[in-house]
Amino acid sequence: MNFLCLLLCWALFPSGEGGDGVKTVSADATEEVAPSKYTNPVIKVAAPDPTAIRVADGTYYLYATEDIRNVPIFKSRDMVEWEKVGTAFTDATRPDFLPDNKDNYDNIHAAIWAPEIRRIKDKYVLFYSLAQWDNHWVSTVGYAVSDSPEGPFEVRGKVFDSREVNVRNSIDSYFYEEDGKYYMLWGSFYGLYLMEVNVSDDLVITPKLETKKQIAGNAYEGVNLWKRDGYYYLFASIGSCCQWAGSTYTTVVARSKELAGPYVNKKGEKMLDNQHEIVVHGDKRFAGTGHNSILQEDDEKNTWMIYHAYEMEQLDVQRQVLLDRILWDKDGWPYVKDLVPSYGADRPVIKGVRK
């Protein structure tokens, strides 16, 4: 997620539509949409770089970059109708750069973006990015912990910063767990990387630096992973995220039989060489379709992608949240129907409240 965009967004639209009266209804009141259908956007305020989780009672929670200050939290029963329920932090509890970050020579306070939510060891762990525009060595992946998906979240500090892992622009993290091991994927236009991390019982998270490996080239950010039928699917975003109608952000994917790669496209060309397949791109209604959350499943195990885009007729609202079903072709490749955001699509299948 480009930090310049944050500066532009805050300068032009500082409020972030962050009041208690946030309107998040998915369908325009002037348009007829069948009850079994929905229309994008599903969150009609600025909530870029969404991350989502479904908790035990079936509720979905979504967190986003702080265009709404202190990281907004939304919840939904169906991934279509969303309600803002608070923020992860307050002005008093929000994280900042650690005092020992010598690259922060201008002593600029940190912005928080590209959050990533997980449930780890019976706690809700919110990872986030901190960085400084035009100084890519001041980039940090931090985390905070809560007993509830609605917070409050307690800041625990950093997992690593750019200097420690020797990767410029170390942001846009993604946490993955498999076979009792924990991994961090991250990066923004200086390569995507994979590294194992240690997670203690009291949730002290530290990097295993000797395991760091580059898995994709320098065309990508907003990394995301999904495992299906023996393949690891590496989703990412390419292009410009934050140029309003001129945004070229596009969601792409490559896959591998091994977590560490190599990730390849349909022709076998490597993501390390910036090769991939398109999942969804912009059209006449939306620009900048990218930075998706981890895929979500409905009650029939259909897969859904939550991501952001600019609505051409509502550019002043900034990047809103879209929802689309991920389809899988006969060879197992994921895509959104027609490769563009949907309108009037079938809703996710939700069978009722879980006990």
Protein backbone atom coordinates (compact mmCIF):
# COMPACT_ATOMS: atom_id res chain seq x y z
CA MET A 1 0.00 0.00 0.00
CA ASN A 2 1.62 3.23 -1.18
CA PHE A 3 2.26 5.72 1.65
CA LEU A 4 1.94 8.69 -0.72
CA CYS A 5 -1.70 7.76 -1.15
CA LEU A 6 -2.23 8.06 2.58
CA LEU A 7 -0.80 11.56 2.61
CA LEU A 8 -2.95 12.62 -0.32
CA CYS A 9 -6.08 11.05 1.15
CA TRP A 10 -5.62 12.68 4.54
CA ALA A 11 -4.83 16.05 3.00
CA LEU A 12 -7.92 16.07 0.81
CA PHE A 13 -10.36 14.07 2.96
CA PRO A 14 -9.12 14.21 6.56
CA SER A 15 -12.30 13.07 8.26
CA GLY A 16 -12.24 9.63 6.61
CA GLU A 17 -16.05 9.42 7.02
CA GLY A 18 -15.26 8.16 10.49
CA GLY A 19 -18.35 9.19 12.46
CA ASP A 20 -20.73 6.87 14.23
CA GLY A 21 -23.20 7.35 11.40
CA VAL A 22 -21.09 5.57 8.79
CA LYS A 23 -23.26 4.34 5.96
CA THR A 24 -22.20 0.91 4.76
CA VAL A 25 -25.26 -0.32 2.89
CA SER A 26 -24.26 -2.14 -0.26
CA ALA A 27 -26.97 -1.17 -2.75
CA ASP A 28 -27.88 2.31 -4.01
CA ALA A 29 -31.33 3.27 -2.80
CA THR A 30 -32.25 4.41 -6.31
CA GLU A 31 -31.61 1.05 -7.93
CA GLU A 32 -33.69 -2.10 -7.76
CA VAL A 33 -31.70 -5.11 -6.54
CA ALA A 34 -33.37 -8.44 -5.76
CA PRO A 35 -33.12 -9.57 -2.12
CA SER A 36 -31.03 -12.54 -3.22
CA LYS A 37 -28.54 -10.21 -4.93
CA TYR A 38 -26.06 -7.57 -3.85
CA THR A 39 -24.17 -4.81 -5.58
CA ASN A 40 -20.70 -3.37 -5.06
CA PRO A 41 -19.36 -1.55 -3.11
CA VAL A 42 -20.40 -3.34 0.07
CA ILE A 43 -18.79 -0.70 2.30
CA LYS A 44 -19.38 2.77 0.93
CA VAL A 45 -16.76 4.69 2.91
CA ALA A 46 -12.97 4.81 2.62
CA ALA A 47 -11.71 1.49 4.01
CA PRO A 48 -8.71 0.45 1.89
CA ASP A 49 -6.52 -2.63 2.25
CA PRO A 50 -9.23 -4.69 3.98
CA THR A 51 -8.50 -7.77 6.06
CA ALA A 52 -11.26 -10.05 7.35
CA ILE A 53 -11.90 -12.98 9.65
CA ARG A 54 -14.91 -15.13 10.51
CA VAL A 55 -15.26 -15.92 14.20
CA ALA A 56 -16.87 -18.88 15.96
CA ASP A 57 -20.44 -17.52 16.00
CA GLY A 58 -20.33 -16.92 12.24
CA THR A 59 -19.79 -13.15 12.35
CA TYR A 60 -17.33 -11.63 9.89
CA TYR A 61 -15.05 -8.82 11.07
CA LEU A 62 -13.17 -6.48 8.76
CA TYR A 63 -10.31 -4.06 9.49
CA ALA A 64 -8.80 -1.48 7.14
CA THR A 65 -6.06 1.07 6.64
CA GLU A 66 -6.70 4.10 8.80
CA ASP A 67 -8.38 6.48 6.40
CA ILE A 68 -10.70 6.28 9.41
CA ARG A 69 -8.17 7.04 12.11
CA ASN A 70 -6.93 4.30 14.46
CA VAL A 71 -7.95 1.39 12.17
CA PRO A 72 -11.71 0.96 11.70
CA ILE A 73 -13.50 -2.27 12.64
CA PHE A 74 -16.64 -3.40 10.78
CA LYS A 75 -18.77 -6.49 11.34
CA SER A 76 -21.27 -8.41 9.21
CA ARG A 77 -23.39 -11.55 9.23
CA ASP A 78 -23.21 -12.07 5.47
CA MET A 79 -20.21 -10.13 4.01
CA VAL A 80 -22.68 -7.77 2.31
CA GLU A 81 -24.21 -5.57 5.02
CA TRP A 82 -21.49 -4.10 7.25
CA GLU A 83 -21.68 -2.06 10.46
CA LYS A 84 -18.82 0.00 11.88
CA VAL A 85 -18.35 -1.02 15.51
CA GLY A 86 -15.27 0.94 16.54
CA THR A 87 -11.54 1.20 16.03
CA ALA A 88 -8.67 -1.07 16.98
CA PHE A 89 -6.79 1.74 18.73
CA THR A 90 -7.31 5.16 20.26
CA ASP A 91 -5.03 8.17 20.00
CA ALA A 92 -3.57 7.08 23.34
CA THR A 93 -3.03 3.40 22.47
CA ARG A 94 -2.03 3.55 18.78
CA PRO A 95 1.46 2.26 17.89
CA ASP A 96 4.33 4.43 16.71
CA PHE A 97 7.92 3.93 15.60
CA LEU A 98 10.16 2.62 18.33
CA PRO A 99 12.62 5.19 19.74
CA ASP A 100 15.63 3.17 18.57
CA ASN A 101 14.68 3.50 14.88
CA LYS A 102 17.65 5.63 13.79
CA ASP A 103 16.35 5.91 10.21
CA ASN A 104 13.44 8.02 11.41
CA TYR A 105 15.67 11.08 11.24
CA ASP A 106 12.79 13.53 10.86
CA ASN A 107 11.01 12.11 13.93
CA ILE A 108 7.79 11.67 11.95
CA HIS A 109 4.97 9.83 13.66
CA ALA A 110 3.82 6.61 12.06
CA ALA A 111 0.72 5.99 9.99
CA ILE A 112 -0.99 2.61 10.30
CA TRP A 113 -2.11 0.69 7.25
CA ALA A 114 -2.45 -2.72 5.63
CA PRO A 115 -3.70 -4.51 8.78
CA GLU A 116 -3.90 -8.30 8.88
CA ILE A 117 -6.10 -10.12 11.41
CA ARG A 118 -5.59 -13.67 12.72
CA ARG A 119 -6.67 -15.85 15.63
CA ILE A 120 -3.52 -17.26 17.21
CA LYS A 121 -3.39 -19.22 20.48
CA ASP A 122 -6.94 -18.16 21.41
CA LYS A 123 -6.19 -14.46 20.91
CA TYR A 124 -6.97 -12.05 18.09
CA VAL A 125 -3.72 -10.75 16.65
CA LEU A 126 -3.76 -7.66 14.46
CA PHE A 127 -0.63 -7.18 12.37
CA TYR A 128 -0.06 -3.76 10.81
CA SER A 129 2.45 -1.73 8.80
CA LEU A 130 4.22 1.45 9.91
CA ALA A 131 6.31 3.47 7.47
CA GLN A 132 7.53 6.87 6.36
CA TRP A 133 7.05 8.27 2.85
CA ASP A 134 10.22 8.47 0.74
CA ASN A 135 12.27 6.67 3.39
CA HIS A 136 11.76 2.97 2.70
CA TRP A 137 14.12 1.88 5.44
CA VAL A 138 11.63 3.20 8.00
CA SER A 139 9.18 0.36 7.42
CA THR A 140 7.98 -1.83 10.25
CA VAL A 141 5.66 -4.80 10.72
CA GLY A 142 4.11 -4.63 14.16
CA TYR A 143 1.31 -6.43 16.00
CA ALA A 144 -1.29 -5.98 18.71
CA VAL A 145 -3.37 -8.49 20.68
CA SER A 146 -6.94 -8.65 21.98
CA ASP A 147 -9.32 -11.13 23.60
CA SER A 148 -12.11 -9.89 21.31
CA PRO A 149 -12.29 -9.15 17.57
CA GLU A 150 -13.81 -5.79 18.55
CA GLY A 151 -10.80 -4.89 20.68
CA PRO A 152 -9.38 -3.08 22.49
CA PHE A 153 -6.04 -4.15 21.00
CA GLU A 154 -2.88 -3.99 23.09
CA VAL A 155 0.26 -3.07 21.13
CA ARG A 156 3.00 -5.66 21.58
CA GLY A 157 5.66 -4.00 19.43
CA LYS A 158 7.34 -5.01 16.20
CA VAL A 159 7.93 -8.33 14.48
CA PHE A 160 10.71 -6.80 12.38
CA ASP A 161 11.67 -3.67 10.49
CA SER A 162 13.33 -3.14 7.12
CA ARG A 163 16.86 -2.95 8.50
CA GLU A 164 16.54 -6.20 10.43
CA VAL A 165 15.44 -8.18 7.38
CA ASN A 166 17.40 -6.07 4.84
CA VAL A 167 14.31 -5.49 2.68
CA ARG A 168 13.27 -1.97 1.74
CA ASN A 169 9.59 -1.12 2.17
CA SER A 170 8.88 -4.04 4.50
CA ILE A 171 5.11 -3.60 4.71
CA ASP A 172 1.89 -5.41 3.70
CA SER A 173 2.43 -8.44 5.90
CA TYR A 174 0.53 -11.73 5.72
CA PHE A 175 0.65 -14.35 8.50
CA TYR A 176 0.38 -18.05 7.64
CA GLU A 177 0.28 -21.14 9.86
CA GLU A 178 0.81 -24.74 8.74
CA ASP A 179 1.86 -27.98 10.46
CA GLY A 180 2.74 -26.23 13.69
CA LYS A 181 4.98 -23.68 11.99
CA TYR A 182 4.38 -19.97 11.50
CA TYR A 183 5.37 -17.82 8.53
CA MET A 184 5.32 -14.19 7.52
CA LEU A 185 4.95 -13.07 3.91
CA TRP A 186 5.48 -9.40 3.10
CA GLY A 187 6.88 -6.79 0.71
CA SER A 188 6.05 -3.84 -1.53
CA PHE A 189 7.71 -3.34 -4.94
CA TYR A 190 11.12 -4.51 -3.72
CA GLY A 191 10.23 -8.20 -3.89
CA LEU A 192 7.84 -10.42 -1.96
CA TYR A 193 9.41 -12.51 0.77
CA LEU A 194 8.64 -15.50 2.97
CA MET A 195 10.17 -16.11 6.39
CA GLU A 196 9.45 -18.41 9.30
CA VAL A 197 8.68 -16.73 12.63
CA ASN A 198 8.67 -17.96 16.21
CA VAL A 199 5.46 -17.56 18.22
CA SER A 200 5.70 -18.19 21.97
CA ASP A 201 2.77 -19.26 24.14
CA ASP A 202 2.48 -15.69 25.43
CA LEU A 203 2.51 -14.37 21.85
CA VAL A 204 6.01 -13.00 21.56
CA ILE A 205 6.57 -13.08 17.79
CA THR A 206 10.13 -12.96 16.46
CA PRO A 207 11.65 -13.57 13.01
CA LYS A 208 13.87 -16.49 12.06
CA LEU A 209 16.10 -14.41 9.81
CA GLU A 210 18.02 -17.36 8.41
CA THR A 211 14.83 -18.65 6.74
CA LYS A 212 14.11 -15.52 4.66
CA LYS A 213 13.51 -16.24 0.97
CA GLN A 214 12.34 -14.12 -1.95
CA ILE A 215 9.30 -15.66 -3.67
CA ALA A 216 8.18 -12.99 -6.16
CA GLY A 217 9.63 -10.11 -8.15
CA ASN A 218 9.41 -6.36 -7.73
CA ALA A 219 6.02 -5.81 -9.39
CA TYR A 220 3.93 -6.69 -6.34
CA GLU A 221 2.55 -5.71 -2.98
CA GLY A 222 -0.48 -6.68 -0.87
CA VAL A 223 0.53 -10.36 -0.70
CA ASN A 224 -2.05 -12.99 0.22
CA LEU A 225 -2.05 -16.80 0.31
CA TRP A 226 -4.69 -19.50 -0.14
CA LYS A 227 -4.20 -23.29 -0.21
CA ARG A 228 -6.46 -25.47 -2.33
CA ASP A 229 -6.19 -29.00 -3.74
CA GLY A 230 -2.47 -29.26 -3.10
CA TYR A 231 -1.54 -25.85 -4.50
CA TYR A 232 -0.50 -22.66 -2.74
CA TYR A 233 -2.03 -19.66 -4.52
CA LEU A 234 -0.10 -16.44 -4.08
CA PHE A 235 -2.35 -13.42 -4.62
CA ALA A 236 -0.88 -9.92 -4.93
CA SER A 237 -1.54 -6.49 -6.40
CA ILE A 238 0.29 -4.80 -9.27
CA GLY A 239 0.13 -1.26 -10.65
CA SER A 240 -0.70 2.04 -8.96
CA CYS A 241 -3.01 1.87 -5.97
CA CYS A 242 -3.94 5.45 -5.38
CA GLN A 243 -4.45 7.62 -8.47
CA TRP A 244 -8.22 7.86 -8.29
CA ALA A 245 -9.69 7.22 -11.78
CA GLY A 246 -6.16 6.64 -13.09
CA SER A 247 -5.41 3.84 -10.64
CA THR A 248 -4.18 0.67 -12.35
CA TYR A 249 -4.17 -1.62 -9.33
CA THR A 250 -4.97 -5.17 -10.48
CA THR A 251 -5.23 -8.38 -8.46
CA VAL A 252 -3.09 -11.21 -9.81
CA VAL A 253 -2.12 -14.75 -8.81
CA ALA A 254 0.45 -17.48 -9.34
CA ARG A 255 0.67 -20.91 -7.73
CA SER A 256 3.10 -23.52 -6.45
CA LYS A 257 3.11 -27.03 -5.03
CA GLU A 258 5.51 -25.81 -2.34
CA LEU A 259 5.01 -22.97 0.12
CA ALA A 260 8.43 -21.52 -0.71
CA GLY A 261 7.79 -21.69 -4.46
CA PRO A 262 8.55 -21.39 -7.25
CA TYR A 263 5.21 -19.69 -7.99
CA VAL A 264 4.31 -19.81 -11.67
CA ASN A 265 1.58 -18.75 -14.08
CA LYS A 266 -0.32 -20.99 -16.51
CA LYS A 267 2.68 -21.09 -18.85
CA GLY A 268 5.07 -22.05 -16.07
CA GLU A 269 6.68 -18.60 -16.02
CA LYS A 270 7.88 -17.52 -12.59
CA MET A 271 6.44 -14.87 -10.34
CA LEU A 272 10.05 -14.13 -9.46
CA ASP A 273 10.21 -12.80 -13.03
CA ASN A 274 6.99 -10.81 -12.53
CA GLN A 275 4.76 -13.31 -14.35
CA HIS A 276 1.23 -14.09 -13.13
CA GLU A 277 -2.46 -14.46 -14.06
CA ILE A 278 -5.12 -11.76 -13.63
CA VAL A 279 -7.89 -12.32 -11.07
CA VAL A 280 -9.76 -9.00 -11.36
CA HIS A 281 -9.05 -5.63 -12.97
CA GLY A 282 -10.84 -2.30 -13.26
CA ASP A 283 -13.63 -1.38 -15.66
CA LYS A 284 -15.88 1.62 -16.40
CA ARG A 285 -17.38 1.49 -12.90
CA PHE A 286 -14.29 0.82 -10.78
CA ALA A 287 -10.57 1.59 -10.85
CA GLY A 288 -7.75 0.27 -8.71
CA THR A 289 -9.08 -3.20 -7.87
CA GLY A 290 -6.64 -4.68 -5.40
CA HIS A 291 -5.17 -5.44 -1.97
CA ASN A 292 -7.53 -8.27 -1.14
CA SER A 293 -8.14 -9.87 2.22
CA ILE A 294 -7.56 -13.57 2.79
CA LEU A 295 -10.33 -15.42 0.95
CA GLN A 296 -13.47 -16.05 2.97
CA GLU A 297 -15.84 -19.00 2.76
CA ASP A 298 -19.61 -18.96 3.04
CA ASP A 299 -21.65 -21.83 4.47
CA GLU A 300 -21.45 -23.81 1.23
CA LYS A 301 -17.65 -23.41 1.07
CA ASN A 302 -17.83 -20.97 -1.83
CA THR A 303 -14.77 -18.70 -1.81
CA TRP A 304 -15.11 -14.92 -1.70
CA MET A 305 -12.63 -12.10 -2.14
CA ILE A 306 -12.90 -8.81 -0.27
CA TYR A 307 -10.83 -5.98 -1.78
CA HIS A 308 -10.86 -2.26 -2.45
CA ALA A 309 -11.40 0.00 -5.46
CA TYR A 310 -12.38 3.52 -6.48
CA GLU A 311 -15.95 3.91 -7.68
CA MET A 312 -15.81 6.15 -10.76
CA GLU A 313 -18.98 8.02 -9.82
CA GLN A 314 -17.86 8.44 -6.20
CA LEU A 315 -14.15 9.21 -6.44
CA ASP A 316 -14.32 11.63 -3.52
CA VAL A 317 -15.24 8.74 -1.21
CA GLN A 318 -11.82 7.20 -1.89
CA ARG A 319 -11.20 3.44 -1.93
CA GLN A 320 -14.33 1.53 -0.94
CA VAL A 321 -14.72 -2.18 -0.16
CA LEU A 322 -15.88 -4.63 -2.83
CA LEU A 323 -16.90 -8.28 -2.61
CA ASP A 324 -16.73 -10.90 -5.35
CA ARG A 325 -16.98 -14.64 -5.53
CA ILE A 326 -13.80 -16.42 -6.59
CA LEU A 327 -14.49 -19.03 -9.24
CA TRP A 328 -12.06 -21.84 -10.10
CA ASP A 329 -11.55 -23.01 -13.69
CA LYS A 330 -11.16 -26.66 -14.75
CA ASP A 331 -7.41 -26.46 -14.18
CA GLY A 332 -7.80 -24.98 -10.73
CA TRP A 333 -7.06 -21.32 -11.46
CA PRO A 334 -8.98 -18.62 -9.51
CA TYR A 335 -10.75 -15.69 -11.16
CA VAL A 336 -13.63 -13.26 -10.75
CA LYS A 337 -16.36 -13.64 -13.38
CA ASP A 338 -15.44 -11.63 -16.49
CA LEU A 339 -12.37 -10.41 -14.55
CA VAL A 340 -14.26 -7.28 -13.41
CA PRO A 341 -16.19 -6.33 -10.24
CA SER A 342 -19.72 -7.70 -10.19
CA TYR A 343 -23.04 -5.90 -10.04
CA GLY A 344 -26.27 -7.56 -8.98
CA ALA A 345 -24.52 -10.82 -8.11
CA ASP A 346 -25.83 -13.66 -5.94
CA ARG A 347 -25.16 -13.15 -2.24
CA PRO A 348 -22.96 -15.48 -0.19
CA VAL A 349 -24.82 -18.47 1.24
CA ILE A 350 -25.28 -17.95 4.98
CA LYS A 351 -27.46 -20.52 6.71
CA GLY A 352 -28.06 -18.78 10.01
CA VAL A 353 -26.55 -17.86 13.32
CA ARG A 354 -23.98 -20.25 14.69
CA LYS A 355 -24.17 -21.34 18.32
